Amino acid sequence: MFRIVSFLFTLFVFITGSSIVLGHPGHTIHKEVSPSLESQQHADADVHAEMELFDVNELPLTMVQVKHKRLRADADKTPEMAMMFEAFVTLEAIKTRWDDRFFYIESNGIPAHQMMVGITAWQQQVPLPQKYRGENSWRIPLHPVPAKLPQSAKGNFLRGAIAIAANGVPIFNPLNNRGEDSYLIGELDEFGGHCGRADDYHYHIAPVHLEKMIGDGLPIAYALDGYPIYGYEESDGSRVVGLDALNGHKDKSGHYHYHATKKYPYLNGGFFGEVTERGGQVDPQPRAEPLRPDLRPLRDAKITDFKETAPGSYVLTYDVKGKKGSVDYTLAGDGTAHFTFVDTNGKTTTETYSPRRRGPDSGNRDRPPPRRDEQTPSNSKPKNNLPQLTVTSPAFESNASIPIEFTGDGAGISPPIQWKDAPKDTKSFAVNVWHIPGPNEIKSYWVVYNIPKNVTQLGKNETSVGIIGINDKNRREYDPMKSKGPGAKQYHVTVYALSCELKILPEKADRAHLLEAIQGVTLAEGTLTYFYQRK
């Protein structure tokens, strides 16, 4: 950080030709040094010596303002939205480029500010850099087109980003993938962000803290439909009035834009402009690449600290009812990550994750990764100490092809499932059919829960046993798989033996909500894996 600030200091001296004094956070830069300022300079000497500890969001804005003047001078060649990103381009935190249709942003998705602290609903994910670059960059339409039918984000676009912040960090729907307000239920840190299943950091509310870095009168983010998102005030500092249901309105010149608000929807409440929705998200958009498996929520945990202990090394500290735990990890140059977990009982576990395998290294380094159109059978045994259920189907063998009648190309009915070896204390069962279509994605086709403890099977096309939850299409039914693309696709049926019945509403019982509800009450589980290849 000190080298970055020194570079900005030197460059500004070169541009202005004046001597300047760099003040501490909150102070402005003065072009000339007067005798009356000498005492203040001495007082600030210790602050200057520790410049590397500054948060980039607190750096003086003069260099940014110089850049803005240059951009305005080149306005005939540079898109207007470039001004918002220029502060972070200057700091080399992001890169931008554009063509005739789109503005592209490259970043690693990691902000300079404090992350994770304050989260009270934690899924045990930590911030890892992402490769949002090249063909996997964020893109914003340069010429947004008003949609004939604007789309609300309430209940829609619950996956993926809906906007991109000035610092290159994506912004997701304020509602999580279960339709709950992430901010209100404690999932977000002090800056409105957290990590997803791929350990990808992102915001869920408007990052208004960026205003002090990017300067007055500029947006803090752009929605993926191409319209800007401003802070709590208008660009001229006046009060915001007359927002529509999407948290936006037009200015005096007829230009549409969104605003941040302190209550839901917090930012753009949907899309005034044209976007394409596919699979519950705006399409296309970059993929986050998971390095390790996604984990389940840790009940009663609160994150109390997160810091970088050395370049590429981090430690997250959490508290569970007065007991401390930590996650310590180091990123190697080859993309490998070394993790040390210390739970609240003092037990230490270490894991090493490789980007090639997206899982813990097991010493088998010579086996080549499967092609994109192939998926190798996975070990269905979960990585825990739970007893194993034996899950089978009378209609097909394990790791074999499922008959077409149970798919979207056939009758589309649910397959028969059987299980055994449940613990004696089992009070109910739950079933989930799921599939991993790509990195950072899990698709759920069928959720059934509160299956009576004396039931050990679901028959073909069964609809009367247990309670049917919702699939990823938000429907309470079995969704027959009909995955696109060549090659055989791998699917899983997981059965959970539980110590109680679940008290969740059917209309909210998707896979994510199910996994959260069974945390701490799962006595045993088992998975049946099968394949299907479309003709």
Protein backbone atom coordinates (compact mmCIF):
# COMPACT_ATOMS: atom_id res chain seq x y z
CA MET A 1 0.00 0.00 0.00
CA PHE A 2 2.88 2.38 0.85
CA ARG A 3 4.35 1.89 -2.65
CA ILE A 4 0.97 2.71 -4.24
CA VAL A 5 0.60 5.90 -2.22
CA SER A 6 4.20 6.92 -2.93
CA PHE A 7 3.58 6.38 -6.65
CA LEU A 8 0.47 8.57 -6.55
CA PHE A 9 2.35 11.24 -4.59
CA THR A 10 5.22 11.35 -7.10
CA LEU A 11 2.93 11.33 -10.11
CA PHE A 12 0.86 14.20 -8.75
CA VAL A 13 3.99 16.29 -8.14
CA PHE A 14 5.03 15.63 -11.74
CA ILE A 15 1.61 16.66 -13.10
CA THR A 16 1.11 19.83 -11.05
CA GLY A 17 4.70 21.01 -10.78
CA SER A 18 3.97 22.15 -7.23
CA SER A 19 5.20 20.96 -3.87
CA ILE A 20 2.48 19.37 -1.77
CA VAL A 21 1.91 17.93 1.64
CA LEU A 22 -0.03 14.68 1.93
CA GLY A 23 -2.45 14.98 4.85
CA HIS A 24 -3.82 12.23 6.99
CA PRO A 25 -7.27 10.77 6.24
CA GLY A 26 -9.95 13.44 6.13
CA HIS A 27 -7.57 16.26 5.25
CA THR A 28 -7.04 17.82 1.84
CA ILE A 29 -3.82 18.21 -0.14
CA HIS A 30 -2.23 21.69 -0.09
CA LYS A 31 -0.25 22.89 -3.09
CA GLU A 32 2.10 25.15 -1.13
CA VAL A 33 3.67 24.81 2.29
CA SER A 34 3.35 27.89 4.49
CA PRO A 35 5.19 28.41 7.80
CA SER A 36 1.90 28.07 9.65
CA LEU A 37 1.63 24.50 8.43
CA GLU A 38 5.06 23.33 9.58
CA SER A 39 3.92 22.34 13.06
CA GLN A 40 1.06 20.33 11.60
CA GLN A 41 3.53 18.58 9.27
CA HIS A 42 5.64 17.50 12.24
CA ALA A 43 2.54 16.28 14.03
CA ASP A 44 1.61 14.21 11.00
CA ALA A 45 5.05 12.66 10.55
CA ASP A 46 4.15 9.45 12.37
CA VAL A 47 1.03 9.12 10.28
CA HIS A 48 3.04 9.45 7.07
CA ALA A 49 5.47 6.77 8.24
CA GLU A 50 2.61 4.30 8.53
CA MET A 51 1.00 5.11 5.19
CA GLU A 52 0.90 1.43 4.27
CA LEU A 53 -1.84 0.91 6.84
CA PHE A 54 -4.27 3.25 5.09
CA ASP A 55 -7.49 1.92 3.63
CA VAL A 56 -7.63 2.95 -0.03
CA ASN A 57 -11.16 4.20 0.60
CA GLU A 58 -9.64 6.92 2.84
CA LEU A 59 -6.94 8.17 0.47
CA PRO A 60 -7.12 11.86 -0.55
CA LEU A 61 -9.09 12.42 -3.70
CA THR A 62 -6.80 14.85 -5.52
CA MET A 63 -5.28 12.28 -7.88
CA VAL A 64 -8.76 10.98 -8.63
CA GLN A 65 -9.93 14.50 -9.39
CA VAL A 66 -7.00 14.99 -11.77
CA LYS A 67 -7.94 11.78 -13.54
CA HIS A 68 -11.54 12.93 -13.78
CA LYS A 69 -10.43 16.16 -15.47
CA ARG A 70 -8.42 14.18 -17.98
CA LEU A 71 -11.36 11.90 -18.66
CA ARG A 72 -13.68 14.83 -19.17
CA ALA A 73 -11.21 16.33 -21.61
CA ASP A 74 -11.31 13.06 -23.57
CA ALA A 75 -15.07 12.69 -23.24
CA ASP A 76 -15.43 12.23 -26.97
CA LYS A 77 -13.47 8.98 -26.71
CA THR A 78 -14.05 7.77 -23.14
CA PRO A 79 -17.44 6.46 -21.92
CA GLU A 80 -18.94 8.53 -19.14
CA MET A 81 -19.16 5.51 -16.83
CA ALA A 82 -15.35 5.24 -16.87
CA MET A 83 -15.20 8.16 -14.43
CA MET A 84 -16.76 6.08 -11.66
CA PHE A 85 -14.16 3.32 -11.97
CA GLU A 86 -11.12 5.56 -12.52
CA ALA A 87 -10.22 5.90 -8.84
CA PHE A 88 -9.66 2.15 -8.59
CA VAL A 89 -8.02 1.93 -12.01
CA THR A 90 -5.52 4.51 -10.72
CA LEU A 91 -4.81 2.31 -7.71
CA GLU A 92 -4.44 -0.71 -10.02
CA ALA A 93 -7.20 -2.48 -8.11
CA ILE A 94 -9.17 -3.04 -11.32
CA LYS A 95 -8.77 -2.76 -15.08
CA THR A 96 -11.33 -1.47 -17.55
CA ARG A 97 -11.82 -1.50 -21.30
CA TRP A 98 -14.70 -1.00 -23.72
CA ASP A 99 -15.95 -1.56 -27.22
CA ASP A 100 -18.92 -0.13 -29.10
CA ARG A 101 -21.49 -2.01 -26.99
CA PHE A 102 -20.09 -2.85 -23.57
CA PHE A 103 -17.87 -1.55 -20.79
CA TYR A 104 -15.74 -4.31 -19.20
CA ILE A 105 -14.36 -4.49 -15.66
CA GLU A 106 -11.61 -6.87 -14.56
CA SER A 107 -10.99 -7.49 -10.86
CA ASN A 108 -10.23 -10.15 -8.30
CA GLY A 109 -13.37 -9.32 -6.33
CA ILE A 110 -11.46 -8.44 -3.15
CA PRO A 111 -11.99 -4.93 -1.72
CA ALA A 112 -9.40 -3.02 0.29
CA HIS A 113 -11.68 -2.43 3.26
CA GLN A 114 -12.26 -4.68 6.28
CA MET A 115 -14.28 -7.79 5.41
CA MET A 116 -16.48 -10.29 7.28
CA VAL A 117 -16.49 -8.65 10.72
CA GLY A 118 -19.97 -8.41 12.23
CA ILE A 119 -21.54 -11.37 10.41
CA THR A 120 -23.83 -13.36 12.73
CA ALA A 121 -25.22 -15.81 10.16
CA TRP A 122 -22.10 -17.43 8.70
CA GLN A 123 -21.85 -20.31 6.23
CA GLN A 124 -18.13 -20.87 6.97
CA GLN A 125 -16.93 -19.29 3.72
CA VAL A 126 -13.93 -16.94 3.57
CA PRO A 127 -12.78 -14.36 0.98
CA LEU A 128 -10.70 -15.81 -1.86
CA PRO A 129 -9.59 -13.89 -4.98
CA GLN A 130 -11.56 -14.61 -8.15
CA LYS A 131 -10.48 -14.46 -11.78
CA TYR A 132 -12.88 -11.88 -13.16
CA ARG A 133 -10.80 -11.13 -16.23
CA GLY A 134 -10.59 -11.76 -19.96
CA GLU A 135 -13.68 -13.56 -21.19
CA ASN A 136 -14.78 -13.83 -17.54
CA SER A 137 -14.94 -10.05 -16.99
CA TRP A 138 -17.94 -8.07 -15.81
CA ARG A 139 -19.71 -6.20 -18.59
CA ILE A 140 -22.18 -3.31 -18.59
CA PRO A 141 -24.18 -2.11 -21.61
CA LEU A 142 -22.91 1.27 -22.80
CA HIS A 143 -26.26 2.08 -24.36
CA PRO A 144 -28.97 0.79 -21.99
CA VAL A 145 -32.40 0.20 -23.46
CA PRO A 146 -35.54 0.67 -21.34
CA ALA A 147 -37.39 -2.62 -21.03
CA LYS A 148 -40.95 -2.87 -22.27
CA LEU A 149 -41.72 -4.64 -19.01
CA PRO A 150 -39.26 -3.72 -16.21
CA GLN A 151 -38.45 -6.68 -13.98
CA SER A 152 -38.56 -6.69 -10.18
CA ALA A 153 -35.77 -8.36 -8.22
CA LYS A 154 -38.15 -9.35 -5.43
CA GLY A 155 -38.39 -13.11 -5.82
CA ASN A 156 -36.37 -12.97 -9.05
CA PHE A 157 -32.66 -12.82 -9.87
CA LEU A 158 -31.86 -14.55 -6.56
CA ARG A 159 -28.65 -15.99 -8.01
CA GLY A 160 -25.62 -14.07 -9.20
CA ALA A 161 -24.98 -10.34 -9.37
CA ILE A 162 -27.39 -7.56 -10.27
CA ALA A 163 -24.79 -4.75 -10.26
CA ILE A 164 -21.05 -4.06 -10.13
CA ALA A 165 -19.50 -1.58 -7.67
CA ALA A 166 -16.87 1.04 -8.49
CA ASN A 167 -14.16 -1.12 -6.88
CA GLY A 168 -14.95 -4.13 -9.06
CA VAL A 169 -16.84 -6.05 -6.37
CA PRO A 170 -20.14 -7.57 -7.57
CA ILE A 171 -23.42 -6.69 -5.87
CA PHE A 172 -26.03 -9.42 -5.43
CA ASN A 173 -29.75 -9.19 -4.83
CA PRO A 174 -30.46 -7.89 -1.29
CA LEU A 175 -32.54 -11.05 -0.89
CA ASN A 176 -30.53 -14.26 -0.57
CA ASN A 177 -31.28 -17.41 -2.55
CA ARG A 178 -34.00 -18.27 -0.01
CA GLY A 179 -35.71 -14.91 -0.53
CA GLU A 180 -34.64 -13.54 2.88
CA ASP A 181 -33.21 -10.06 3.48
CA SER A 182 -29.48 -10.77 3.90
CA TYR A 183 -28.92 -7.57 5.85
CA LEU A 184 -31.74 -8.07 8.33
CA ILE A 185 -30.86 -11.69 9.17
CA GLY A 186 -27.20 -10.92 9.95
CA GLU A 187 -25.50 -12.37 6.88
CA LEU A 188 -23.57 -9.20 6.03
CA ASP A 189 -20.47 -7.55 7.43
CA GLU A 190 -20.04 -3.90 8.38
CA PHE A 191 -19.64 -2.91 4.72
CA GLY A 192 -22.65 -4.87 3.46
CA GLY A 193 -20.82 -7.89 2.07
CA HIS A 194 -20.09 -11.55 2.68
CA CYS A 195 -18.77 -14.61 0.84
CA GLY A 196 -20.76 -16.96 -1.35
CA ARG A 197 -20.39 -20.70 -1.79
CA ALA A 198 -17.30 -20.23 -3.96
CA ASP A 199 -15.67 -18.07 -1.26
CA ASP A 200 -16.45 -15.13 -3.55
CA TYR A 201 -16.87 -11.84 -1.71
CA HIS A 202 -19.79 -9.66 -2.83
CA TYR A 203 -22.13 -6.99 -1.52
CA HIS A 204 -25.89 -7.33 -0.95
CA ILE A 205 -26.61 -3.65 -0.24
CA ALA A 206 -25.34 -0.44 -1.81
CA PRO A 207 -21.62 0.25 -1.04
CA VAL A 208 -22.12 3.92 -0.14
CA HIS A 209 -18.76 3.96 1.64
CA LEU A 210 -17.12 4.18 -1.80
CA GLU A 211 -18.37 7.75 -2.31
CA LYS A 212 -15.46 9.27 -0.41
CA MET A 213 -13.02 7.55 -2.75
CA ILE A 214 -14.61 8.14 -6.14
CA GLY A 215 -15.59 11.77 -5.51
CA ASP A 216 -18.75 13.82 -5.52
CA GLY A 217 -21.40 13.61 -8.20
CA LEU A 218 -20.53 10.14 -9.47
CA PRO A 219 -22.40 6.83 -9.15
CA ILE A 220 -21.17 4.19 -6.73
CA ALA A 221 -22.16 1.28 -8.97
CA TYR A 222 -23.79 0.32 -12.23
CA ALA A 223 -26.67 -2.11 -12.51
CA LEU A 224 -26.17 -4.85 -15.07
CA ASP A 225 -28.82 -3.25 -17.27
CA GLY A 226 -26.48 -0.28 -17.79
CA TYR A 227 -28.13 2.32 -15.56
CA PRO A 228 -26.09 4.02 -12.78
CA ILE A 229 -26.69 3.67 -9.05
CA TYR A 230 -26.11 6.82 -6.97
CA GLY A 231 -25.87 7.17 -3.21
CA TYR A 232 -28.41 8.61 -0.79
CA GLU A 233 -28.35 12.00 -2.55
CA GLU A 234 -28.62 13.28 -6.10
CA SER A 235 -25.40 13.98 -8.01
CA ASP A 236 -25.73 17.69 -7.13
CA GLY A 237 -26.18 16.94 -3.43
CA SER A 238 -29.91 17.57 -3.35
CA ARG A 239 -32.45 15.36 -1.61
CA VAL A 240 -33.78 12.32 -3.46
CA VAL A 241 -37.54 12.31 -4.09
CA GLY A 242 -39.97 10.36 -6.21
CA LEU A 243 -38.34 6.94 -6.46
CA ASP A 244 -40.30 4.25 -8.27
CA ALA A 245 -40.75 0.62 -7.25
CA LEU A 246 -37.28 -0.20 -8.63
CA ASN A 247 -35.63 2.50 -6.47
CA GLY A 248 -35.02 4.72 -9.49
CA HIS A 249 -36.29 7.77 -11.34
CA LYS A 250 -35.38 10.16 -14.15
CA ASP A 251 -33.45 13.39 -13.69
CA LYS A 252 -34.42 16.74 -15.23
CA SER A 253 -32.77 15.69 -18.48
CA GLY A 254 -34.77 12.49 -18.64
CA HIS A 255 -31.87 10.19 -17.71
CA TYR A 256 -32.91 7.21 -15.60
CA HIS A 257 -30.83 6.14 -12.60
CA TYR A 258 -31.18 4.21 -9.34
CA HIS A 259 -30.42 5.31 -5.77
CA ALA A 260 -29.18 3.71 -2.59
CA THR A 261 -31.65 3.65 0.29
CA LYS A 262 -31.27 2.64 3.92
CA LYS A 263 -34.23 0.27 3.70
CA TYR A 264 -35.17 -2.45 1.22
CA PRO A 265 -34.51 -2.63 -1.69
CA TYR A 266 -31.27 -0.76 -0.73
CA LEU A 267 -30.21 -0.32 -4.39
CA ASN A 268 -31.80 -1.21 -7.72
CA GLY A 269 -34.94 -3.15 -6.87
CA GLY A 270 -34.92 -4.77 -10.28
CA PHE A 271 -34.15 -3.70 -13.83
CA PHE A 272 -35.57 -0.70 -15.65
CA GLY A 273 -33.44 -1.71 -18.63
CA GLU A 274 -33.35 -4.81 -20.75
CA VAL A 275 -31.58 -7.85 -19.30
CA THR A 276 -31.71 -11.56 -20.04
CA GLU A 277 -32.69 -13.87 -17.19
CA ARG A 278 -31.49 -17.46 -17.30
CA GLY A 279 -31.33 -19.89 -14.40
CA GLY A 280 -32.45 -17.27 -11.89
CA GLN A 281 -29.74 -14.74 -12.73
CA VAL A 282 -28.74 -12.09 -15.25
CA ASP A 283 -27.06 -13.78 -18.19
CA PRO A 284 -24.29 -13.58 -19.19
CA GLN A 285 -22.13 -12.78 -16.19
CA PRO A 286 -18.77 -14.03 -14.87
CA ARG A 287 -18.44 -17.27 -12.94
CA ALA A 288 -16.76 -17.50 -9.57
CA GLU A 289 -14.42 -20.50 -9.36
CA PRO A 290 -14.72 -22.48 -6.11
CA LEU A 291 -11.48 -23.78 -4.67
CA ARG A 292 -13.07 -25.87 -1.91
CA PRO A 293 -16.48 -27.37 -1.13
CA ASP A 294 -19.20 -25.08 0.17
CA LEU A 295 -20.00 -25.63 3.82
CA ARG A 296 -23.08 -25.48 6.03
CA PRO A 297 -23.99 -22.60 8.35
CA LEU A 298 -22.28 -22.60 11.75
CA ARG A 299 -25.05 -21.98 14.23
CA ASP A 300 -24.63 -19.10 16.74
CA ALA A 301 -21.30 -18.03 15.21
CA LYS A 302 -20.30 -14.36 15.05
CA ILE A 303 -17.23 -13.20 13.15
CA THR A 304 -15.17 -10.93 15.40
CA ASP A 305 -12.02 -10.33 13.35
CA PHE A 306 -10.52 -10.78 9.92
CA LYS A 307 -7.06 -9.62 9.00
CA GLU A 308 -4.16 -10.17 6.66
CA THR A 309 -1.22 -11.39 8.74
CA ALA A 310 1.26 -11.41 5.84
CA PRO A 311 0.98 -11.00 2.06
CA GLY A 312 -1.42 -13.73 0.96
CA SER A 313 -2.08 -14.99 4.51
CA TYR A 314 -5.29 -14.36 6.44
CA VAL A 315 -6.94 -15.31 9.69
CA LEU A 316 -10.66 -15.15 10.47
CA THR A 317 -11.73 -15.31 14.11
CA TYR A 318 -15.23 -16.20 15.25
CA ASP A 319 -17.11 -16.68 18.49
CA VAL A 320 -19.75 -19.28 19.37
CA LYS A 321 -21.39 -18.59 22.75
CA GLY A 322 -18.16 -17.26 24.23
CA LYS A 323 -15.84 -19.85 22.69
CA LYS A 324 -13.33 -18.79 20.05
CA GLY A 325 -12.55 -20.50 16.77
CA SER A 326 -10.46 -19.51 13.78
CA VAL A 327 -9.74 -20.17 10.12
CA ASP A 328 -6.16 -19.47 9.08
CA TYR A 329 -5.26 -19.74 5.40
CA THR A 330 -2.43 -18.92 3.01
CA LEU A 331 -2.61 -18.58 -0.77
CA ALA A 332 0.36 -19.94 -2.72
CA GLY A 333 1.61 -18.64 -6.06
CA ASP A 334 0.31 -21.71 -7.91
CA GLY A 335 -3.25 -21.08 -6.69
CA THR A 336 -3.09 -23.67 -3.90
CA ALA A 337 -4.59 -22.69 -0.54
CA HIS A 338 -3.42 -24.11 2.79
CA PHE A 339 -6.10 -23.99 5.52
CA THR A 340 -5.83 -24.51 9.28
CA PHE A 341 -9.15 -24.77 11.13
CA VAL A 342 -9.31 -24.46 14.93
CA ASP A 343 -12.81 -25.17 16.25
CA THR A 344 -14.30 -23.89 19.50
CA ASN A 345 -13.09 -26.99 21.36
CA GLY A 346 -9.50 -26.37 20.31
CA LYS A 347 -9.38 -29.17 17.74
CA THR A 348 -7.09 -28.35 14.80
CA THR A 349 -7.66 -29.59 11.24
CA THR A 350 -5.57 -28.80 8.18
CA GLU A 351 -6.52 -28.99 4.51
CA THR A 352 -4.80 -28.08 1.26
CA TYR A 353 -6.95 -27.18 -1.73
CA SER A 354 -5.83 -27.14 -5.35
CA PRO A 355 -7.52 -25.12 -8.11
CA ARG A 356 -7.25 -28.12 -10.44
CA ARG A 357 -9.18 -30.51 -8.22
CA ARG A 358 -11.36 -27.95 -6.36
CA GLY A 359 -10.99 -30.06 -3.24
CA PRO A 360 -8.45 -31.26 -0.66
CA ASP A 361 -5.27 -32.71 -2.12
CA SER A 362 -4.99 -36.45 -1.57
CA GLY A 363 -1.63 -37.07 -3.20
CA ASN A 364 -3.11 -38.20 -6.52
CA ARG A 365 -1.53 -35.44 -8.60
CA ASP A 366 -0.94 -37.38 -11.82
CA ARG A 367 -4.54 -37.97 -12.78
CA PRO A 368 -5.61 -35.46 -15.45
CA PRO A 369 -8.76 -33.43 -14.81
CA PRO A 370 -11.90 -34.52 -16.70
CA ARG A 371 -12.89 -32.73 -19.87
CA ARG A 372 -15.59 -30.09 -19.59
CA ASP A 373 -18.16 -32.46 -21.08
CA GLU A 374 -17.29 -35.27 -18.67
CA GLN A 375 -17.90 -35.74 -14.97
CA THR A 376 -16.23 -38.49 -13.03
CA PRO A 377 -18.24 -40.34 -10.38
CA SER A 378 -17.74 -38.82 -6.97
CA ASN A 379 -17.44 -40.60 -3.66
CA SER A 380 -20.90 -40.21 -2.18
CA LYS A 381 -19.63 -40.52 1.38
CA PRO A 382 -19.84 -37.08 3.00
CA LYS A 383 -16.78 -35.62 4.70
CA ASN A 384 -18.06 -35.97 8.24
CA ASN A 385 -18.32 -38.60 10.95
CA LEU A 386 -22.02 -39.32 10.49
CA PRO A 387 -23.29 -42.88 10.08
CA GLN A 388 -24.08 -43.82 6.49
CA LEU A 389 -27.48 -44.61 5.05
CA THR A 390 -27.56 -47.05 2.15
CA VAL A 391 -29.51 -45.38 -0.66
CA THR A 392 -30.63 -47.38 -3.72
CA SER A 393 -33.27 -47.43 -6.45
CA PRO A 394 -35.05 -50.46 -7.91
CA ALA A 395 -35.10 -48.63 -11.26
CA PHE A 396 -31.33 -48.17 -11.76
CA GLU A 397 -27.93 -49.02 -10.29
CA SER A 398 -25.56 -46.67 -8.51
CA ASN A 399 -23.32 -44.73 -10.94
CA ALA A 400 -25.45 -45.95 -13.85
CA SER A 401 -27.84 -44.16 -16.21
CA ILE A 402 -31.31 -43.24 -15.02
CA PRO A 403 -34.18 -44.42 -17.26
CA ILE A 404 -35.56 -41.75 -19.57
CA GLU A 405 -39.04 -41.84 -17.98
CA PHE A 406 -37.65 -40.00 -14.94
CA THR A 407 -36.20 -37.15 -17.04
CA GLY A 408 -37.55 -34.19 -18.97
CA ASP A 409 -37.22 -36.20 -22.18
CA GLY A 410 -39.64 -38.84 -20.89
CA ALA A 411 -42.67 -38.88 -18.61
CA GLY A 412 -40.91 -36.60 -16.13
CA ILE A 413 -42.01 -38.54 -13.04
CA SER A 414 -39.94 -38.93 -9.88
CA PRO A 415 -37.87 -42.13 -9.53
CA PRO A 416 -38.37 -44.72 -6.79
CA ILE A 417 -35.88 -44.33 -3.93
CA GLN A 418 -35.11 -46.72 -1.06
CA TRP A 419 -32.89 -46.43 2.03
CA LYS A 420 -31.86 -48.44 5.08
CA ASP A 421 -29.50 -48.46 8.10
CA ALA A 422 -31.13 -45.46 9.79
CA PRO A 423 -30.25 -44.82 13.48
CA LYS A 424 -32.82 -45.87 16.08
CA ASP A 425 -33.44 -42.27 17.19
CA THR A 426 -34.55 -41.17 13.73
CA LYS A 427 -37.76 -39.12 13.84
CA SER A 428 -38.05 -38.16 10.16
CA PHE A 429 -36.29 -38.29 6.78
CA ALA A 430 -35.59 -35.71 4.08
CA VAL A 431 -34.66 -36.26 0.42
CA ASN A 432 -32.97 -33.95 -2.07
CA VAL A 433 -32.15 -34.52 -5.76
CA TRP A 434 -29.36 -32.22 -6.89
CA HIS A 435 -26.76 -31.60 -9.60
CA ILE A 436 -23.60 -29.48 -10.05
CA PRO A 437 -23.87 -27.88 -13.53
CA GLY A 438 -20.70 -25.83 -13.15
CA PRO A 439 -18.41 -24.00 -10.71
CA ASN A 440 -20.21 -22.22 -7.89
CA GLU A 441 -23.54 -23.77 -8.90
CA ILE A 442 -25.80 -26.40 -7.37
CA LYS A 443 -29.17 -27.07 -8.95
CA SER A 444 -31.94 -28.65 -6.89
CA TYR A 445 -34.67 -30.72 -8.58
CA TRP A 446 -36.64 -32.17 -5.69
CA VAL A 447 -37.01 -31.56 -1.95
CA VAL A 448 -39.14 -33.81 0.27
CA TYR A 449 -39.02 -33.57 4.07
CA ASN A 450 -40.84 -34.73 7.21
CA ILE A 451 -41.06 -38.21 5.75
CA PRO A 452 -42.29 -40.41 8.65
CA LYS A 453 -39.64 -42.36 10.55
CA ASN A 454 -41.18 -45.73 9.65
CA VAL A 455 -40.99 -45.03 5.89
CA THR A 456 -37.95 -46.39 4.05
CA GLN A 457 -38.83 -45.63 0.45
CA LEU A 458 -40.54 -43.29 -1.96
CA GLY A 459 -42.34 -45.05 -4.79
CA LYS A 460 -42.36 -44.07 -8.43
CA ASN A 461 -44.10 -40.71 -8.93
CA GLU A 462 -44.74 -40.48 -5.17
CA THR A 463 -46.53 -37.28 -4.08
CA SER A 464 -48.40 -38.27 -0.91
CA VAL A 465 -45.56 -39.07 1.51
CA GLY A 466 -43.90 -36.29 3.50
CA ILE A 467 -43.98 -32.60 2.57
CA ILE A 468 -42.77 -31.51 -0.86
CA GLY A 469 -40.59 -28.39 -0.83
CA ILE A 470 -39.63 -26.19 -3.77
CA ASN A 471 -37.20 -26.84 -6.60
CA ASP A 472 -35.02 -24.22 -8.27
CA LYS A 473 -37.96 -23.20 -10.44
CA ASN A 474 -39.79 -22.23 -7.24
CA ARG A 475 -42.33 -25.01 -7.72
CA ARG A 476 -43.43 -27.63 -5.19
CA GLU A 477 -42.84 -30.64 -7.41
CA TYR A 478 -40.21 -32.93 -8.88
CA ASP A 479 -38.32 -31.16 -11.66
CA PRO A 480 -37.21 -33.77 -14.23
CA MET A 481 -33.62 -33.12 -15.29
CA LYS A 482 -33.12 -31.82 -18.80
CA SER A 483 -29.61 -30.40 -18.70
CA LYS A 484 -28.17 -28.78 -21.78
CA GLY A 485 -24.83 -29.53 -23.41
CA PRO A 486 -23.08 -32.67 -24.63
CA GLY A 487 -21.93 -35.60 -22.52
CA ALA A 488 -23.30 -37.48 -19.54
CA LYS A 489 -24.32 -35.35 -16.56
CA GLN A 490 -24.00 -36.51 -12.97
CA TYR A 491 -26.89 -36.26 -10.49
CA HIS A 492 -27.34 -37.18 -6.83
CA VAL A 493 -30.12 -38.26 -4.47
CA THR A 494 -29.23 -37.57 -0.84
CA VAL A 495 -31.34 -38.93 2.02
CA TYR A 496 -31.01 -37.48 5.54
CA ALA A 497 -32.07 -39.21 8.77
CA LEU A 498 -33.10 -36.51 11.26
CA SER A 499 -33.68 -36.39 15.01
CA CYS A 500 -36.85 -34.31 14.65
CA GLU A 501 -39.41 -33.06 12.19
CA LEU A 502 -38.54 -29.80 10.45
CA LYS A 503 -40.54 -26.64 11.10
CA ILE A 504 -40.14 -24.89 7.76
CA LEU A 505 -42.85 -23.66 5.44
CA PRO A 506 -43.21 -25.67 2.22
CA GLU A 507 -43.04 -22.54 0.06
CA LYS A 508 -39.62 -21.72 1.56
CA ALA A 509 -38.24 -25.26 1.70
CA ASP A 510 -35.65 -25.11 -1.07
CA ARG A 511 -32.29 -26.91 -0.88
CA ALA A 512 -30.50 -24.06 0.88
CA HIS A 513 -33.22 -23.71 3.50
CA LEU A 514 -33.34 -27.48 3.98
CA LEU A 515 -29.58 -27.71 4.59
CA GLU A 516 -29.79 -24.88 7.07
CA ALA A 517 -32.71 -26.49 8.91
CA ILE A 518 -31.02 -29.89 9.29
CA GLN A 519 -27.83 -28.40 10.72
CA GLY A 520 -27.30 -30.07 14.10
CA VAL A 521 -30.20 -32.54 13.77
CA THR A 522 -28.78 -34.88 11.09
CA LEU A 523 -28.14 -38.37 12.48
CA ALA A 524 -27.07 -40.06 9.24
CA GLU A 525 -27.04 -39.46 5.50
CA GLY A 526 -26.39 -41.28 2.26
CA THR A 527 -26.19 -40.44 -1.43
CA LEU A 528 -27.06 -42.33 -4.60
CA THR A 529 -25.28 -41.05 -7.72
CA TYR A 530 -26.50 -41.59 -11.27
CA PHE A 531 -26.03 -40.20 -14.79
CA TYR A 532 -28.14 -39.05 -17.69
CA GLN A 533 -27.06 -38.23 -21.23
CA ARG A 534 -29.48 -36.57 -23.60
CA LYS A 535 -29.67 -38.03 -27.09
